[in-house]
Amino acid sequence: MRIVMIGSGYVGLVSGVCFADFGHTVVCVDKDAAKIDALKTGRVPIFEPGLEDLLAKNVRDGRLSFTTEMKEAVAAADAVFIAVGTPSRRGDGHADLTYVYGAAREIAEAVDGFTVVVTKSTVPVGTGDEVERIMAEANPAADVAVVSNPEFLREGAAISDFKRPDRIVVGSDDERAVEVMREIYRPLYLNAAPLFFTTRRTAELIKYAANAFLAMKITFINEIADLCEQVGADVQQVARGIGTDNRIGAKFLHAGPGYGGSCFPKDTNALVKTAQDHGSPIRLIETTVAVNETRKRAMGRKIIQASGGSVRGKTIAILGLTFKPNTDDMRDAPSLSIIQTLQDAGASIRAYDPEGMDQAKPLLADVAFCSSPYEAARGAEVVAIVTEWDQFRALDFARLKTEVAEPVLVDLRNVYPPDEVLRHGFRYTGVGR
């Protein structure tokens, strides 16, 4: 199949590379000329394990190319995927669909013959209807079928998620489009990936409902962690105790500083606004959003408490800045609020992250960025693990102790057993312990 991917950000690039690896011919289109020039030379603008090598392989084999020119690529396509950004709109939290609608107009003007137009971006219920209307207005003669095909990629594991998905959701009532989508995803039949066909509006809601449920699950275990601290229980044991119940499941039951990233914050906000606009408010998700937002600064206060109640004039080492490991994504990362809370209280910050510091630097003022966790710990009164990168799971505590001014570890991801840290002469504070 001939596929065009409009948007070469995280979702568009991963999807385009993986489709090419299935054997399809893929053209990735983006208006950012610098990004396209970089991709043409094999430089990937995001950090995702395995993506650079897979991109180079498919470019070399002639299945994958990049361009800023949409018209020619779209005219030759069997399917055009819209994978542009849908950030939260300033002021009201709704998804900003400017880029989606702009892409729809340009696609309509360029299509030649029957074309399936697939919304891959995360969009509110009813967006497909509006995309269809816009395309008909821009080109009444266009023979297109608008399909919803939400993505379920985890940053840091996106290639595996794309090639071995739990499910593939396709929303369409056009039989021609259904057959095209079957053919596009046919290579995954060998992995027995269920292809789940629904109406378009149902598919759009599935993505928001899934992300909102997972965000709620994270927030639930975080509130249980707070209760554990008050009653003398261990949240990790509680999580194991409930997670082994197959009605609940163990995933997303890891207490920490709250969720962040490109999906959960904006998608929960967008779902809340959509529900309110339709007179059907979702109180559980409204509360989830509010609890998660306050939790991040609460984790900053936890660090302050571990330092004796004041950090004024003290140095705090922050290990991990990205919202999760194996990505360079800083969007809504808990570290941003945590660091601001500490700086507001008078602390100086030294920070280290294996991949996220270039992305973090424009977002954080007056932070000393370091080349290793040990350099970050130099002269610090508290060392705080904020993101659970693998290299933080085997810290040399003897070396760390020679660097710090005070041996205090705040483990916001519960990476270490408290006894192990105490044995090395550190004071230990975890979450829900």
Protein backbone atom coordinates (compact mmCIF):
# COMPACT_ATOMS: atom_id res chain seq x y z
CA MET A 1 0.00 0.00 0.00
CA ARG A 2 1.05 3.60 -0.61
CA ILE A 3 0.80 5.52 2.65
CA VAL A 4 1.35 9.19 3.43
CA MET A 5 1.89 10.28 7.04
CA ILE A 6 1.06 13.95 7.64
CA GLY A 7 3.12 15.04 10.63
CA SER A 8 6.54 13.64 11.54
CA GLY A 9 6.36 14.07 15.29
CA TYR A 10 6.36 11.22 17.75
CA VAL A 11 3.24 9.39 16.55
CA GLY A 12 3.68 10.12 12.86
CA LEU A 13 7.33 9.18 12.71
CA VAL A 14 7.02 5.94 14.68
CA SER A 15 3.92 4.92 12.73
CA GLY A 16 5.47 5.79 9.38
CA VAL A 17 8.69 3.90 10.08
CA CYS A 18 6.80 0.84 11.31
CA PHE A 19 4.41 0.81 8.33
CA ALA A 20 7.44 0.96 6.04
CA ASP A 21 8.97 -1.94 7.93
CA PHE A 22 5.77 -3.92 7.20
CA GLY A 23 6.58 -3.51 3.50
CA HIS A 24 4.38 -0.54 2.62
CA THR A 25 5.70 2.47 0.72
CA VAL A 26 5.56 5.43 3.12
CA VAL A 27 6.12 9.16 2.64
CA CYS A 28 6.32 11.24 5.83
CA VAL A 29 5.31 14.88 5.31
CA ASP A 30 6.07 17.77 7.64
CA LYS A 31 6.11 21.54 7.20
CA ASP A 32 9.21 21.85 9.39
CA ALA A 33 11.94 21.91 6.75
CA ALA A 34 14.73 21.55 9.32
CA LYS A 35 13.11 18.39 10.70
CA ILE A 36 12.70 16.90 7.22
CA ASP A 37 16.31 17.73 6.31
CA ALA A 38 17.47 16.01 9.50
CA LEU A 39 15.37 12.91 8.79
CA LYS A 40 16.72 12.71 5.25
CA THR A 41 20.21 12.41 6.71
CA GLY A 42 19.10 9.79 9.24
CA ARG A 43 18.98 12.09 12.28
CA VAL A 44 15.91 11.42 14.41
CA PRO A 45 14.63 14.48 16.33
CA ILE A 46 13.23 12.42 19.21
CA PHE A 47 14.71 9.75 21.46
CA GLU A 48 12.97 6.41 21.08
CA PRO A 49 14.92 3.15 21.48
CA GLY A 50 15.48 1.41 18.14
CA LEU A 51 13.82 4.08 15.99
CA GLU A 52 16.95 5.49 14.35
CA ASP A 53 18.18 2.08 13.18
CA LEU A 54 14.75 1.05 11.87
CA LEU A 55 14.41 4.37 10.02
CA ALA A 56 17.81 3.98 8.37
CA LYS A 57 17.01 0.42 7.28
CA ASN A 58 13.77 1.37 5.57
CA VAL A 59 15.22 4.46 3.91
CA ARG A 60 18.04 2.27 2.60
CA ASP A 61 15.54 -0.28 1.28
CA GLY A 62 13.58 2.43 -0.54
CA ARG A 63 10.30 2.12 1.34
CA LEU A 64 10.53 5.29 3.43
CA SER A 65 11.05 8.91 2.36
CA PHE A 66 10.52 12.41 3.74
CA THR A 67 9.28 15.63 2.18
CA THR A 68 7.78 19.04 2.91
CA GLU A 69 5.64 18.83 -0.24
CA MET A 70 2.23 17.30 0.47
CA LYS A 71 0.45 17.56 -2.87
CA GLU A 72 2.36 15.05 -4.98
CA ALA A 73 2.63 12.52 -2.14
CA VAL A 74 -1.11 12.64 -1.34
CA ALA A 75 -2.16 12.36 -4.98
CA ALA A 76 -0.42 8.97 -5.24
CA ALA A 77 -1.59 7.60 -1.88
CA ASP A 78 -4.04 4.84 -1.02
CA ALA A 79 -4.27 6.10 2.55
CA VAL A 80 -3.31 9.40 4.18
CA PHE A 81 -2.81 9.44 7.94
CA ILE A 82 -3.21 12.67 9.90
CA ALA A 83 -0.73 12.55 12.79
CA VAL A 84 -0.34 16.21 13.73
CA GLY A 85 -0.34 17.68 17.22
CA THR A 86 -3.52 18.26 19.22
CA PRO A 87 -2.23 20.25 22.21
CA SER A 88 -4.47 21.57 24.94
CA ARG A 89 -6.05 24.83 23.84
CA ARG A 90 -5.05 27.80 25.95
CA GLY A 91 -7.70 28.99 28.31
CA ASP A 92 -10.21 26.14 28.31
CA GLY A 93 -8.32 22.81 28.09
CA HIS A 94 -10.06 21.60 24.94
CA ALA A 95 -7.94 19.85 22.31
CA ASP A 96 -6.68 22.37 19.76
CA LEU A 97 -7.65 20.90 16.38
CA THR A 98 -6.19 23.68 14.23
CA TYR A 99 -3.52 21.43 12.73
CA VAL A 100 -5.93 18.55 12.12
CA TYR A 101 -8.40 20.75 10.26
CA GLY A 102 -5.64 22.49 8.32
CA ALA A 103 -4.26 19.13 7.19
CA ALA A 104 -7.75 18.00 6.15
CA ARG A 105 -8.16 21.01 3.85
CA GLU A 106 -4.79 20.47 2.20
CA ILE A 107 -5.41 16.76 1.75
CA ALA A 108 -8.80 17.40 0.14
CA GLU A 109 -7.20 19.69 -2.42
CA ALA A 110 -4.55 17.11 -3.31
CA VAL A 111 -6.36 13.73 -3.43
CA ASP A 112 -6.70 11.95 -6.77
CA GLY A 113 -9.15 9.03 -6.84
CA PHE A 114 -10.54 7.13 -3.86
CA THR A 115 -8.43 7.80 -0.77
CA VAL A 116 -8.79 6.74 2.85
CA VAL A 117 -8.06 9.63 5.22
CA VAL A 118 -7.14 8.29 8.64
CA THR A 119 -7.10 10.36 11.83
CA LYS A 120 -4.21 9.00 13.90
CA SER A 121 -3.99 12.06 16.14
CA THR A 122 -5.90 11.89 19.42
CA VAL A 123 -9.08 13.88 18.80
CA PRO A 124 -12.39 14.43 20.62
CA VAL A 125 -15.58 12.64 19.66
CA GLY A 126 -17.06 14.11 16.51
CA THR A 127 -13.78 15.31 15.00
CA GLY A 128 -14.07 12.84 12.13
CA ASP A 129 -17.45 14.32 11.22
CA GLU A 130 -15.91 17.79 11.06
CA VAL A 131 -12.92 16.54 9.04
CA GLU A 132 -15.38 15.01 6.57
CA ARG A 133 -17.32 18.28 6.32
CA ILE A 134 -14.16 20.35 5.83
CA MET A 135 -12.91 18.05 3.07
CA ALA A 136 -16.24 18.12 1.26
CA GLU A 137 -16.27 21.91 1.45
CA ALA A 138 -12.66 22.20 0.22
CA ASN A 139 -13.18 19.75 -2.66
CA PRO A 140 -16.76 18.59 -3.31
CA ALA A 141 -15.50 16.13 -5.94
CA ALA A 142 -13.07 14.38 -3.57
CA ASP A 143 -13.75 10.65 -3.17
CA VAL A 144 -12.59 10.06 0.39
CA ALA A 145 -13.52 7.99 3.42
CA VAL A 146 -12.61 9.44 6.81
CA VAL A 147 -11.51 6.83 9.36
CA SER A 148 -10.53 6.98 13.04
CA ASN A 149 -7.51 4.84 13.96
CA PRO A 150 -6.23 5.96 17.38
CA GLU A 151 -2.71 5.10 18.49
CA PHE A 152 -1.83 3.38 21.77
CA LEU A 153 1.95 3.85 21.85
CA ARG A 154 3.96 4.12 25.06
CA GLU A 155 6.98 6.36 24.80
CA GLY A 156 10.08 4.25 25.32
CA ALA A 157 8.36 1.13 23.96
CA ALA A 158 6.62 2.53 20.88
CA ILE A 159 8.06 0.20 18.24
CA SER A 160 7.16 -2.90 20.24
CA ASP A 161 3.70 -1.48 20.92
CA PHE A 162 3.13 -0.78 17.23
CA LYS A 163 4.29 -4.20 16.06
CA ARG A 164 2.75 -6.22 18.89
CA PRO A 165 -0.37 -4.26 19.85
CA ASP A 166 -3.03 -5.36 22.31
CA ARG A 167 -5.60 -4.26 19.73
CA ILE A 168 -6.00 -2.13 16.61
CA VAL A 169 -9.08 0.09 16.69
CA VAL A 170 -10.57 1.24 13.39
CA GLY A 171 -13.67 3.41 13.24
CA SER A 172 -15.48 3.45 9.89
CA ASP A 173 -18.75 2.40 8.26
CA ASP A 174 -17.33 2.58 4.72
CA GLU A 175 -16.64 -0.95 3.42
CA ARG A 176 -14.02 0.29 0.96
CA ALA A 177 -12.12 1.95 3.80
CA VAL A 178 -12.43 -1.14 5.97
CA GLU A 179 -10.77 -3.26 3.28
CA VAL A 180 -7.94 -0.75 2.88
CA MET A 181 -7.35 -0.73 6.63
CA ARG A 182 -7.38 -4.55 6.72
CA GLU A 183 -4.69 -4.59 4.05
CA ILE A 184 -2.55 -1.97 5.82
CA TYR A 185 -2.58 -3.96 9.05
CA ARG A 186 -2.48 -7.41 7.42
CA PRO A 187 1.19 -7.99 8.44
CA LEU A 188 0.07 -7.98 12.08
CA TYR A 189 -2.26 -10.93 11.57
CA LEU A 190 0.74 -13.21 12.18
CA ASN A 191 0.94 -11.75 15.68
CA ALA A 192 -2.78 -12.43 16.16
CA ALA A 193 -3.37 -8.74 16.92
CA PRO A 194 -7.14 -8.20 17.12
CA LEU A 195 -8.44 -5.76 14.53
CA PHE A 196 -11.41 -4.12 16.20
CA PHE A 197 -13.89 -2.34 13.91
CA THR A 198 -16.34 0.19 15.37
CA THR A 199 -18.18 3.32 14.39
CA ARG A 200 -15.98 6.38 13.98
CA ARG A 201 -17.26 8.16 17.09
CA THR A 202 -16.80 5.03 19.19
CA ALA A 203 -13.19 4.72 18.06
CA GLU A 204 -12.53 8.36 18.95
CA LEU A 205 -13.92 7.83 22.45
CA ILE A 206 -12.04 4.56 23.03
CA LYS A 207 -8.70 6.38 23.00
CA TYR A 208 -9.78 9.00 25.54
CA ALA A 209 -11.49 6.43 27.76
CA ALA A 210 -8.38 4.23 27.80
CA ASN A 211 -6.01 7.04 28.72
CA ALA A 212 -8.38 8.46 31.31
CA PHE A 213 -8.76 5.07 32.98
CA LEU A 214 -4.99 4.56 33.16
CA ALA A 215 -4.50 8.08 34.54
CA MET A 216 -7.15 7.34 37.14
CA LYS A 217 -5.39 4.08 38.07
CA ILE A 218 -2.09 5.92 38.63
CA THR A 219 -3.82 8.57 40.71
CA PHE A 220 -5.64 5.93 42.74
CA ILE A 221 -2.43 4.17 43.80
CA ASN A 222 -0.81 7.53 44.59
CA GLU A 223 -3.64 8.36 46.98
CA ILE A 224 -3.37 4.88 48.52
CA ALA A 225 0.36 5.62 48.96
CA ASP A 226 -0.49 8.74 50.97
CA LEU A 227 -2.80 6.68 53.17
CA CYS A 228 -0.08 4.04 53.62
CA GLU A 229 2.25 6.67 55.02
CA GLN A 230 -0.35 7.69 57.58
CA VAL A 231 -1.31 4.20 58.75
CA GLY A 232 2.06 2.43 58.53
CA ALA A 233 1.40 0.24 55.49
CA ASP A 234 3.58 -0.40 52.40
CA VAL A 235 2.09 0.72 49.09
CA GLN A 236 4.21 -1.69 47.05
CA GLN A 237 2.79 -4.63 48.93
CA VAL A 238 -0.71 -3.19 48.64
CA ALA A 239 -0.18 -2.80 44.87
CA ARG A 240 0.97 -6.40 44.57
CA GLY A 241 -1.91 -7.56 46.69
CA ILE A 242 -4.52 -5.92 44.50
CA GLY A 243 -2.65 -6.19 41.18
CA THR A 244 -2.63 -9.98 41.24
CA ASP A 245 -6.40 -9.83 40.99
CA ASN A 246 -6.88 -10.24 37.24
CA ARG A 247 -9.89 -7.93 37.37
CA ILE A 248 -7.49 -5.13 38.36
CA GLY A 249 -4.09 -6.04 36.91
CA ALA A 250 -0.63 -4.99 38.06
CA LYS A 251 0.18 -2.37 35.41
CA PHE A 252 0.00 1.33 36.30
CA LEU A 253 -0.05 0.58 40.02
CA HIS A 254 3.36 2.12 40.76
CA ALA A 255 3.18 4.97 43.24
CA GLY A 256 5.18 8.04 42.33
CA PRO A 257 5.12 11.80 41.73
CA GLY A 258 2.13 11.79 39.36
CA TYR A 259 1.63 11.30 35.65
CA GLY A 260 2.95 13.59 32.92
CA GLY A 261 3.90 13.36 29.26
CA SER A 262 2.22 14.19 25.99
CA CYS A 263 -0.95 12.12 26.45
CA PHE A 264 -2.46 11.72 29.91
CA PRO A 265 -2.54 15.40 30.94
CA LYS A 266 -4.03 16.76 27.73
CA ASP A 267 -6.33 13.79 27.08
CA THR A 268 -7.87 13.81 30.54
CA ASN A 269 -8.44 17.56 30.27
CA ALA A 270 -9.98 17.20 26.81
CA LEU A 271 -12.28 14.39 27.95
CA VAL A 272 -13.44 16.46 30.93
CA LYS A 273 -14.27 19.38 28.62
CA THR A 274 -16.05 17.18 26.08
CA ALA A 275 -18.14 15.57 28.80
CA GLN A 276 -19.06 18.94 30.28
CA ASP A 277 -20.00 20.32 26.87
CA HIS A 278 -22.37 17.39 26.33
CA GLY A 279 -23.98 17.75 29.75
CA SER A 280 -22.49 14.50 31.03
CA PRO A 281 -19.64 15.44 33.38
CA ILE A 282 -17.20 12.71 34.41
CA ARG A 283 -16.52 13.48 38.06
CA LEU A 284 -13.95 10.72 38.52
CA ILE A 285 -11.73 12.17 35.78
CA GLU A 286 -12.24 15.74 36.98
CA THR A 287 -10.95 14.64 40.38
CA THR A 288 -8.10 12.66 38.82
CA VAL A 289 -6.89 15.79 37.00
CA ALA A 290 -7.07 17.91 40.15
CA VAL A 291 -5.34 15.34 42.39
CA ASN A 292 -2.53 14.76 39.91
CA GLU A 293 -1.86 18.46 39.50
CA THR A 294 -1.50 19.06 43.24
CA ARG A 295 0.60 15.92 43.74
CA LYS A 296 3.60 17.24 41.83
CA ARG A 297 4.18 20.17 44.16
CA ALA A 298 3.41 17.88 47.10
CA MET A 299 6.42 15.79 46.06
CA GLY A 300 8.53 18.94 46.19
CA ARG A 301 7.31 19.47 49.75
CA LYS A 302 8.18 15.85 50.56
CA ILE A 303 11.78 16.60 49.58
CA ILE A 304 11.73 19.72 51.75
CA GLN A 305 10.44 17.70 54.70
CA ALA A 306 13.17 15.07 54.20
CA SER A 307 15.71 17.89 54.45
CA GLY A 308 14.47 18.86 57.89
CA GLY A 309 11.66 21.18 56.90
CA SER A 310 13.70 23.81 55.06
CA VAL A 311 15.84 23.85 51.92
CA ARG A 312 16.70 27.55 51.93
CA GLY A 313 20.35 27.89 50.96
CA LYS A 314 20.64 24.13 50.38
CA THR A 315 21.52 22.20 47.23
CA ILE A 316 19.18 19.48 45.95
CA ALA A 317 20.30 16.89 43.39
CA ILE A 318 17.53 15.83 41.00
CA LEU A 319 18.10 12.52 39.21
CA GLY A 320 15.76 12.22 36.24
CA LEU A 321 13.88 15.03 34.51
CA THR A 322 11.76 13.39 31.78
CA PHE A 323 8.23 12.28 32.66
CA LYS A 324 9.29 8.63 32.32
CA PRO A 325 12.47 6.70 31.39
CA ASN A 326 13.55 5.86 27.82
CA THR A 327 12.30 9.12 26.35
CA ASP A 328 13.49 12.72 26.11
CA ASP A 329 9.94 14.05 26.53
CA MET A 330 9.60 16.83 29.12
CA ARG A 331 5.94 17.66 28.49
CA ASP A 332 4.15 18.04 31.83
CA ALA A 333 6.98 16.17 33.55
CA PRO A 334 6.57 16.09 37.36
CA SER A 335 10.17 17.30 37.67
CA LEU A 336 9.13 20.75 36.41
CA SER A 337 6.73 21.38 39.30
CA ILE A 338 9.00 19.68 41.83
CA ILE A 339 11.98 21.84 40.90
CA GLN A 340 9.87 25.00 40.90
CA THR A 341 8.58 24.14 44.39
CA LEU A 342 12.14 23.65 45.65
CA GLN A 343 13.36 26.86 44.04
CA ASP A 344 10.42 28.76 45.52
CA ALA A 345 11.58 27.48 48.91
CA GLY A 346 15.11 28.80 48.35
CA ALA A 347 16.96 25.70 47.13
CA SER A 348 19.67 25.47 44.48
CA ILE A 349 19.19 22.64 41.96
CA ARG A 350 21.73 20.36 40.34
CA ALA A 351 20.18 17.93 37.83
CA TYR A 352 21.05 15.00 35.62
CA ASP A 353 19.02 13.07 33.06
CA PRO A 354 20.43 10.58 30.51
CA GLU A 355 18.40 11.92 27.55
CA GLY A 356 16.21 14.84 28.57
CA MET A 357 18.54 17.71 29.46
CA ASP A 358 18.50 19.39 26.05
CA GLN A 359 14.70 19.43 26.18
CA ALA A 360 14.72 20.53 29.83
CA LYS A 361 17.09 23.47 29.54
CA PRO A 362 14.61 25.90 27.92
CA LEU A 363 12.02 24.97 30.56
CA LEU A 364 14.12 25.31 33.71
CA ALA A 365 15.88 28.45 34.89
CA ASP A 366 18.81 28.58 37.31
CA VAL A 367 19.46 24.82 37.23
CA ALA A 368 22.97 23.38 37.02
CA PHE A 369 22.86 20.54 34.50
CA CYS A 370 25.44 17.84 35.19
CA SER A 371 27.12 15.02 33.28
CA SER A 372 26.43 12.19 35.75
CA PRO A 373 24.38 11.42 38.85
CA TYR A 374 27.53 11.75 40.93
CA GLU A 375 28.33 15.20 39.61
CA ALA A 376 24.74 16.22 40.34
CA ALA A 377 25.10 14.93 43.90
CA ARG A 378 28.25 16.96 44.57
CA GLY A 379 27.64 19.10 47.63
CA ALA A 380 23.94 18.24 47.82
CA GLU A 381 21.99 18.02 51.04
CA VAL A 382 19.37 15.79 49.39
CA VAL A 383 19.50 13.44 46.39
CA ALA A 384 16.06 12.87 44.86
CA ILE A 385 15.23 10.19 42.28
CA VAL A 386 12.42 11.64 40.18
CA THR A 387 12.55 9.42 37.06
CA GLU A 388 13.41 5.72 37.29
CA TRP A 389 16.06 5.44 34.57
CA ASP A 390 17.84 2.08 34.67
CA GLN A 391 21.19 3.65 35.51
CA PHE A 392 19.70 4.99 38.75
CA ARG A 393 18.82 1.45 39.84
CA ALA A 394 22.42 0.53 40.63
CA LEU A 395 23.95 3.66 42.14
CA ASP A 396 27.30 3.26 43.87
CA PHE A 397 26.25 4.47 47.32
CA ALA A 398 29.81 4.43 48.66
CA ARG A 399 30.83 6.84 45.89
CA LEU A 400 27.64 8.84 46.25
CA LYS A 401 28.30 9.32 49.94
CA THR A 402 31.69 10.89 49.22
CA GLU A 403 30.00 13.47 46.97
CA VAL A 404 27.04 14.63 49.07
CA ALA A 405 27.06 17.16 51.86
CA GLU A 406 24.35 15.17 53.67
CA PRO A 407 23.47 11.49 53.04
CA VAL A 408 19.74 11.86 52.35
CA LEU A 409 17.93 9.99 49.55
CA VAL A 410 14.36 10.76 48.52
CA ASP A 411 13.19 7.96 46.26
CA LEU A 412 10.05 9.19 44.51
CA ARG A 413 9.85 6.01 42.40
CA ASN A 414 10.55 3.46 45.17
CA VAL A 415 13.50 2.12 43.20
CA TYR A 416 15.41 0.93 46.29
CA PRO A 417 14.52 -1.20 49.30
CA PRO A 418 14.83 1.13 52.29
CA ASP A 419 17.09 -1.32 54.17
CA GLU A 420 19.67 -1.25 51.38
CA VAL A 421 19.90 2.54 51.45
CA LEU A 422 20.01 2.69 55.26
CA ARG A 423 22.79 0.12 55.27
CA HIS A 424 24.97 2.55 53.30
CA GLY A 425 24.46 5.27 55.88
CA PHE A 426 21.80 7.30 54.06
CA ARG A 427 18.53 8.52 55.46
CA TYR A 428 15.72 7.28 53.22
CA THR A 429 12.31 8.64 52.22
CA GLY A 430 10.14 6.77 49.76
CA VAL A 431 6.53 7.04 48.61
CA GLY A 432 3.84 5.17 50.50
CA ARG A 433 6.28 3.41 52.81
